[in-house]
Structures are given as C-alpha cells and as structure tokens.
N, C-alpha and C. Protein backbone atom coordinates (compact mmCIF):
# COMPACT_ATOMS: atom_id res chain seq x y z
N MET A 1 0.82 -1.20 0.00
CA MET A 1 0.00 0.00 0.00
C MET A 1 0.86 1.26 0.00
N ALA A 2 2.04 1.21 0.60
CA ALA A 2 2.90 2.39 0.68
C ALA A 2 3.31 2.88 -0.71
N ALA A 3 3.54 1.96 -1.63
CA ALA A 3 3.92 2.36 -2.99
C ALA A 3 2.81 3.19 -3.63
N ARG A 4 1.57 2.80 -3.41
CA ARG A 4 0.44 3.53 -3.98
C ARG A 4 0.40 4.95 -3.44
N GLN A 5 0.63 5.10 -2.13
CA GLN A 5 0.63 6.44 -1.54
C GLN A 5 1.72 7.30 -2.16
N SER A 6 2.90 6.74 -2.33
CA SER A 6 3.99 7.48 -2.96
C SER A 6 3.64 7.86 -4.39
N ASP A 7 3.00 6.93 -5.11
CA ASP A 7 2.59 7.21 -6.48
C ASP A 7 1.60 8.38 -6.51
N LEU A 8 0.63 8.37 -5.61
CA LEU A 8 -0.36 9.45 -5.60
C LEU A 8 0.28 10.79 -5.23
N ARG A 9 1.21 10.77 -4.29
CA ARG A 9 1.92 12.01 -3.96
C ARG A 9 2.69 12.54 -5.16
N ARG A 10 3.35 11.63 -5.87
CA ARG A 10 4.13 12.03 -7.05
C ARG A 10 3.21 12.58 -8.14
N ILE A 11 2.09 11.92 -8.37
CA ILE A 11 1.13 12.36 -9.38
C ILE A 11 0.57 13.73 -9.01
N LEU A 12 0.17 13.90 -7.76
CA LEU A 12 -0.36 15.18 -7.30
C LEU A 12 0.67 16.28 -7.49
N ALA A 13 1.89 16.04 -7.07
CA ALA A 13 2.96 17.04 -7.20
C ALA A 13 3.19 17.41 -8.67
N LYS A 14 3.26 16.40 -9.53
CA LYS A 14 3.49 16.63 -10.96
C LYS A 14 2.35 17.46 -11.56
N ASN A 15 1.13 17.14 -11.20
CA ASN A 15 -0.02 17.84 -11.76
C ASN A 15 -0.13 19.27 -11.24
N ILE A 16 0.20 19.49 -9.98
CA ILE A 16 0.20 20.86 -9.46
C ILE A 16 1.27 21.67 -10.17
N ARG A 17 2.47 21.11 -10.31
CA ARG A 17 3.55 21.83 -11.01
C ARG A 17 3.15 22.16 -12.44
N ALA A 18 2.56 21.21 -13.16
CA ALA A 18 2.16 21.43 -14.56
C ALA A 18 1.09 22.51 -14.65
N ALA A 19 0.10 22.44 -13.79
CA ALA A 19 -0.97 23.44 -13.82
C ALA A 19 -0.44 24.81 -13.42
N LEU A 20 0.45 24.83 -12.45
CA LEU A 20 1.03 26.09 -12.00
C LEU A 20 1.87 26.73 -13.11
N ALA A 21 2.59 25.92 -13.86
CA ALA A 21 3.40 26.43 -14.96
C ALA A 21 2.55 27.12 -16.02
N ARG A 22 1.33 26.60 -16.22
CA ARG A 22 0.44 27.21 -17.21
C ARG A 22 -0.16 28.53 -16.72
N THR A 23 -0.17 28.76 -15.41
CA THR A 23 -0.77 29.98 -14.88
C THR A 23 0.22 31.14 -14.82
N ASP A 24 1.52 30.83 -14.85
CA ASP A 24 2.57 31.84 -14.74
C ASP A 24 2.52 32.54 -13.38
N LYS A 25 2.04 31.83 -12.35
CA LYS A 25 2.00 32.38 -10.99
C LYS A 25 3.06 31.68 -10.15
N PRO A 26 3.66 32.39 -9.21
CA PRO A 26 4.58 31.73 -8.29
C PRO A 26 3.81 30.87 -7.29
N ILE A 27 4.50 29.94 -6.66
CA ILE A 27 3.88 29.04 -5.69
C ILE A 27 3.24 29.82 -4.55
N VAL A 28 3.89 30.87 -4.11
CA VAL A 28 3.37 31.67 -2.99
C VAL A 28 2.02 32.28 -3.37
N ALA A 29 1.89 32.74 -4.60
CA ALA A 29 0.62 33.32 -5.06
C ALA A 29 -0.47 32.25 -5.11
N LEU A 30 -0.13 31.06 -5.56
CA LEU A 30 -1.11 29.96 -5.57
C LEU A 30 -1.55 29.63 -4.15
N ALA A 31 -0.60 29.56 -3.24
CA ALA A 31 -0.94 29.27 -1.84
C ALA A 31 -1.88 30.32 -1.27
N ASP A 32 -1.58 31.58 -1.53
CA ASP A 32 -2.46 32.67 -1.06
C ASP A 32 -3.85 32.55 -1.66
N LEU A 33 -3.92 32.31 -2.95
CA LEU A 33 -5.19 32.20 -3.64
C LEU A 33 -6.01 31.01 -3.13
N ALA A 34 -5.31 29.92 -2.82
CA ALA A 34 -5.98 28.71 -2.34
C ALA A 34 -6.29 28.77 -0.85
N GLY A 35 -5.64 29.68 -0.14
CA GLY A 35 -5.84 29.76 1.30
C GLY A 35 -5.14 28.65 2.06
N VAL A 36 -3.98 28.24 1.54
CA VAL A 36 -3.19 27.20 2.19
C VAL A 36 -1.80 27.75 2.50
N SER A 37 -1.11 27.09 3.37
CA SER A 37 0.24 27.49 3.74
C SER A 37 1.20 27.28 2.57
N SER A 38 2.00 28.28 2.26
CA SER A 38 2.97 28.12 1.18
C SER A 38 4.01 27.07 1.55
N ALA A 39 4.36 26.96 2.82
CA ALA A 39 5.32 25.94 3.25
C ALA A 39 4.76 24.53 3.00
N HIS A 40 3.48 24.35 3.31
CA HIS A 40 2.87 23.04 3.09
C HIS A 40 2.75 22.75 1.60
N LEU A 41 2.42 23.75 0.80
CA LEU A 41 2.35 23.56 -0.65
C LEU A 41 3.70 23.16 -1.20
N TYR A 42 4.77 23.82 -0.75
CA TYR A 42 6.12 23.43 -1.18
C TYR A 42 6.40 21.98 -0.79
N ASP A 43 6.03 21.58 0.43
CA ASP A 43 6.27 20.21 0.88
C ASP A 43 5.49 19.20 0.05
N VAL A 44 4.26 19.52 -0.31
CA VAL A 44 3.46 18.62 -1.14
C VAL A 44 4.08 18.51 -2.54
N ILE A 45 4.51 19.61 -3.09
CA ILE A 45 5.13 19.60 -4.42
C ILE A 45 6.44 18.81 -4.42
N ARG A 46 7.14 18.80 -3.30
CA ARG A 46 8.37 18.02 -3.18
C ARG A 46 8.11 16.58 -2.70
N CYS A 47 6.84 16.22 -2.55
CA CYS A 47 6.42 14.88 -2.09
C CYS A 47 6.94 14.58 -0.69
N GLU A 48 7.13 15.60 0.11
CA GLU A 48 7.61 15.40 1.47
C GLU A 48 6.48 15.32 2.49
N LYS A 49 5.32 15.84 2.15
CA LYS A 49 4.16 15.79 3.03
C LYS A 49 2.95 15.36 2.23
N ALA A 50 2.01 14.77 2.95
CA ALA A 50 0.75 14.35 2.34
C ALA A 50 -0.22 15.53 2.29
N ALA A 51 -1.13 15.46 1.37
CA ALA A 51 -2.16 16.49 1.24
C ALA A 51 -3.50 15.90 1.67
N THR A 52 -4.29 16.70 2.35
CA THR A 52 -5.64 16.28 2.70
C THR A 52 -6.56 16.51 1.50
N ILE A 53 -7.73 15.92 1.56
CA ILE A 53 -8.72 16.14 0.51
C ILE A 53 -9.09 17.63 0.46
N ASP A 54 -9.21 18.25 1.61
CA ASP A 54 -9.53 19.69 1.65
C ASP A 54 -8.44 20.51 0.96
N PHE A 55 -7.19 20.15 1.20
CA PHE A 55 -6.07 20.83 0.56
C PHE A 55 -6.16 20.68 -0.96
N VAL A 56 -6.39 19.45 -1.43
CA VAL A 56 -6.49 19.19 -2.87
C VAL A 56 -7.63 20.01 -3.47
N GLU A 57 -8.74 20.06 -2.77
CA GLU A 57 -9.90 20.81 -3.26
C GLU A 57 -9.59 22.30 -3.37
N LYS A 58 -8.93 22.87 -2.37
CA LYS A 58 -8.60 24.30 -2.38
C LYS A 58 -7.61 24.63 -3.50
N VAL A 59 -6.59 23.80 -3.65
CA VAL A 59 -5.58 24.05 -4.69
C VAL A 59 -6.21 23.89 -6.07
N ALA A 60 -7.03 22.87 -6.24
CA ALA A 60 -7.70 22.66 -7.53
C ALA A 60 -8.57 23.87 -7.89
N GLU A 61 -9.33 24.35 -6.93
CA GLU A 61 -10.19 25.51 -7.19
C GLU A 61 -9.36 26.73 -7.58
N ALA A 62 -8.25 26.95 -6.89
CA ALA A 62 -7.38 28.08 -7.22
C ALA A 62 -6.78 27.94 -8.61
N LEU A 63 -6.58 26.71 -9.05
CA LEU A 63 -6.03 26.45 -10.39
C LEU A 63 -7.12 26.30 -11.45
N GLU A 64 -8.38 26.48 -11.04
CA GLU A 64 -9.53 26.33 -11.92
C GLU A 64 -9.62 24.93 -12.52
N LEU A 65 -9.40 23.94 -11.65
CA LEU A 65 -9.48 22.54 -12.02
C LEU A 65 -10.45 21.84 -11.09
N GLU A 66 -10.86 20.65 -11.48
CA GLU A 66 -11.61 19.78 -10.60
C GLU A 66 -10.58 19.01 -9.76
N PRO A 67 -10.87 18.71 -8.51
CA PRO A 67 -9.89 18.00 -7.66
C PRO A 67 -9.39 16.70 -8.27
N TRP A 68 -10.25 15.95 -8.92
CA TRP A 68 -9.81 14.67 -9.49
C TRP A 68 -8.72 14.85 -10.54
N GLN A 69 -8.71 16.02 -11.18
CA GLN A 69 -7.72 16.25 -12.22
C GLN A 69 -6.30 16.33 -11.64
N LEU A 70 -6.19 16.71 -10.38
CA LEU A 70 -4.87 16.76 -9.74
C LEU A 70 -4.41 15.38 -9.28
N LEU A 71 -5.33 14.44 -9.19
CA LEU A 71 -5.00 13.10 -8.69
C LEU A 71 -4.89 12.06 -9.79
N ARG A 72 -5.19 12.45 -10.99
CA ARG A 72 -5.19 11.52 -12.11
C ARG A 72 -3.81 11.47 -12.76
N ASP A 73 -3.35 10.27 -13.03
CA ASP A 73 -2.08 10.10 -13.75
C ASP A 73 -2.31 10.58 -15.17
N GLN A 74 -1.58 11.62 -15.56
CA GLN A 74 -1.85 12.32 -16.81
C GLN A 74 -1.19 11.70 -18.01
N GLY A 75 -0.99 12.52 -19.01
CA GLY A 75 -0.45 12.08 -20.28
C GLY A 75 -1.45 12.34 -21.39
N ASP A 76 -2.67 12.70 -20.95
CA ASP A 76 -3.73 12.93 -21.93
C ASP A 76 -4.30 14.34 -21.84
N GLY A 77 -3.60 15.24 -21.13
CA GLY A 77 -4.06 16.61 -21.05
C GLY A 77 -5.25 16.83 -20.15
N ALA A 78 -5.48 15.95 -19.20
CA ALA A 78 -6.66 16.04 -18.35
C ALA A 78 -6.60 17.14 -17.30
N THR A 79 -5.50 17.89 -17.22
CA THR A 79 -5.45 18.99 -16.27
C THR A 79 -5.75 20.33 -16.93
N LYS A 80 -6.51 20.29 -17.98
CA LYS A 80 -6.96 21.54 -18.60
C LYS A 80 -7.97 22.21 -17.69
N PRO A 81 -8.03 23.53 -17.68
CA PRO A 81 -8.99 24.22 -16.80
C PRO A 81 -10.41 23.76 -17.06
N ARG A 82 -11.19 23.73 -15.99
CA ARG A 82 -12.59 23.33 -16.13
C ARG A 82 -13.37 24.44 -16.83
N ARG A 83 -14.44 24.04 -17.44
CA ARG A 83 -15.29 25.02 -18.12
C ARG A 83 -16.03 25.84 -17.08
N SER A 84 -16.24 27.10 -17.39
CA SER A 84 -17.00 27.93 -16.47
C SER A 84 -18.46 27.49 -16.52
N ARG A 85 -19.07 27.56 -15.38
CA ARG A 85 -20.48 27.17 -15.29
C ARG A 85 -21.33 28.40 -15.52
N SER A 86 -22.18 28.33 -16.51
CA SER A 86 -23.03 29.48 -16.85
C SER A 86 -24.40 29.35 -16.23
C-alpha cells in the first residue's frame, strides 16, 4: 500500500507543477489564492508531506481545475482548466 501512496503524492505534485506552470504564478501566489500554507504547498510539491482532501480541493479551485484532475495520472491533457459554469 505504501507504494500507492507514494505514487499518488508524485502524481499530485506533478499535476500541481504542470498546472502552475500554465498559470505563470509563483507558488506563494497559488498558496495565497488557495488559502493554504505556502510551506505546506512546497512540501506537497516536493512529495515530502501528504495532502488532505480539503487541501487538494482548495488548490484545484485556485487552479480552476476539478480536484480529481490533480490526482489523475496524466499524459492525456486532463489537467486543462474546467469550463466555467453558466
């Protein structure tokens, strides 16, 4: 089971970095926008700390993504911004 947890941490970190790169915002700005600690965000991106579901939800919202998009192993462009709801 430990390997799966490491895989999910790596996937989450990779997807946050990829989405963040598309926004042209620094990590500190994303943390502020999401309402999370920048230190914790750095730790999650480095796979040093685990993220809660609440954390994933806040970061996804700040990146204009659905939370599942940050947890999905990519390769198919699934971290594209969500459509605005009209």
